[in-house]
Amino acid sequence: MLILIGSFHAIAGLAGVVKDDFYAVTPNYVFEFDATTWGWTHLIGGIIVLFAGFGVFRGAVWARTVGVIIAVISALASFAWIPIYP
């Protein structure tokens, strides 16, 4: 699941970085970042989650720890991403 979620976050982040008008940003939201900022956030987070997923397959203890922490952060970032729709 970490590899799958990491891939999806990286793709969503890449879409926000490459073409920032791809996402329609809702006005007057608590987190007032542009789509490029959210794109970089998702791209970097997705890559970290992806590497943690591969680390879990290798049986690395650090990957499990990073995976759990990043999964929680990833869930919160996804919640904050709600008003920015493709």
Protein backbone atom coordinates (compact mmCIF):
# COMPACT_ATOMS: atom_id res chain seq x y z
CA MET A 1 0.00 0.00 0.00
CA LEU A 2 2.86 2.38 0.71
CA ILE A 3 4.22 1.92 -2.79
CA LEU A 4 0.79 2.46 -4.34
CA ILE A 5 -0.02 5.54 -2.26
CA GLY A 6 3.47 6.94 -2.79
CA SER A 7 3.09 6.55 -6.53
CA PHE A 8 -0.32 8.25 -6.54
CA HIS A 9 0.92 11.15 -4.42
CA ALA A 10 3.97 11.60 -6.63
CA ILE A 11 1.82 11.65 -9.78
CA ALA A 12 -0.62 14.15 -8.23
CA GLY A 13 2.30 16.28 -7.09
CA LEU A 14 3.96 16.13 -10.48
CA ALA A 15 0.73 17.33 -12.11
CA GLY A 16 0.65 20.31 -9.73
CA VAL A 17 4.30 21.17 -10.36
CA VAL A 18 4.27 20.84 -14.14
CA LYS A 19 0.98 22.65 -14.78
CA ASP A 20 -0.28 24.58 -11.76
CA ASP A 21 -3.55 25.60 -13.42
CA PHE A 22 -4.44 21.90 -13.70
CA TYR A 23 -6.00 22.17 -10.25
CA ALA A 24 -8.83 24.55 -9.42
CA VAL A 25 -8.07 26.14 -6.05
CA THR A 26 -11.00 26.95 -3.77
CA PRO A 27 -10.84 30.56 -2.50
CA ASN A 28 -10.80 31.44 1.21
CA TYR A 29 -9.45 28.14 2.47
CA VAL A 30 -7.46 27.83 5.70
CA PHE A 31 -4.36 26.56 3.89
CA GLU A 32 -3.86 29.23 1.26
CA PHE A 33 -1.05 27.75 -0.81
CA ASP A 34 -0.99 27.71 -4.56
CA ALA A 35 -1.18 24.46 -6.52
CA THR A 36 2.57 24.45 -7.16
CA THR A 37 3.33 24.44 -3.43
CA TRP A 38 0.91 21.58 -2.86
CA GLY A 39 2.41 19.84 -5.89
CA TRP A 40 5.92 19.97 -4.42
CA THR A 41 4.57 18.81 -1.05
CA HIS A 42 2.86 15.81 -2.60
CA LEU A 43 5.77 15.00 -4.90
CA ILE A 44 8.36 14.95 -2.11
CA GLY A 45 6.03 13.14 0.30
CA GLY A 46 5.10 10.60 -2.37
CA ILE A 47 8.73 9.81 -3.08
CA ILE A 48 9.45 9.32 0.63
CA VAL A 49 6.43 7.02 1.00
CA LEU A 50 7.47 5.11 -2.12
CA PHE A 51 10.98 4.50 -0.77
CA ALA A 52 9.57 3.50 2.62
CA GLY A 53 7.36 0.96 0.86
CA PHE A 54 10.35 -0.58 -0.87
CA GLY A 55 12.19 -0.57 2.45
CA VAL A 56 9.36 -2.50 4.10
CA PHE A 57 9.69 -5.17 1.41
CA ARG A 58 13.37 -5.45 2.29
CA GLY A 59 12.47 -5.84 5.98
CA ALA A 60 14.12 -2.64 7.19
CA VAL A 61 13.00 -1.51 10.64
CA TRP A 62 13.57 2.15 9.76
CA ALA A 63 11.17 1.77 6.82
CA ARG A 64 8.35 0.58 9.07
CA THR A 65 8.86 3.52 11.39
CA VAL A 66 9.10 6.01 8.55
CA GLY A 67 6.15 4.34 6.84
CA VAL A 68 3.86 4.77 9.82
CA ILE A 69 4.89 8.37 10.44
CA ILE A 70 4.70 9.35 6.78
CA ALA A 71 1.38 7.53 6.35
CA VAL A 72 -0.14 9.74 9.05
CA ILE A 73 1.37 12.87 7.51
CA SER A 74 0.22 11.71 4.08
CA ALA A 75 -3.34 11.28 5.33
CA LEU A 76 -3.30 14.79 6.78
CA ALA A 77 -1.87 16.23 3.56
CA SER A 78 -4.58 14.46 1.57
CA PHE A 79 -7.20 16.01 3.83
CA ALA A 80 -5.67 19.44 3.33
CA TRP A 81 -5.62 18.81 -0.46
CA ILE A 82 -9.44 18.41 -0.58
CA PRO A 83 -10.32 21.92 -1.84
CA ILE A 84 -7.79 21.71 -4.69
CA TYR A 85 -9.56 19.66 -7.34
CA PRO A 86 -8.28 18.52 -10.73
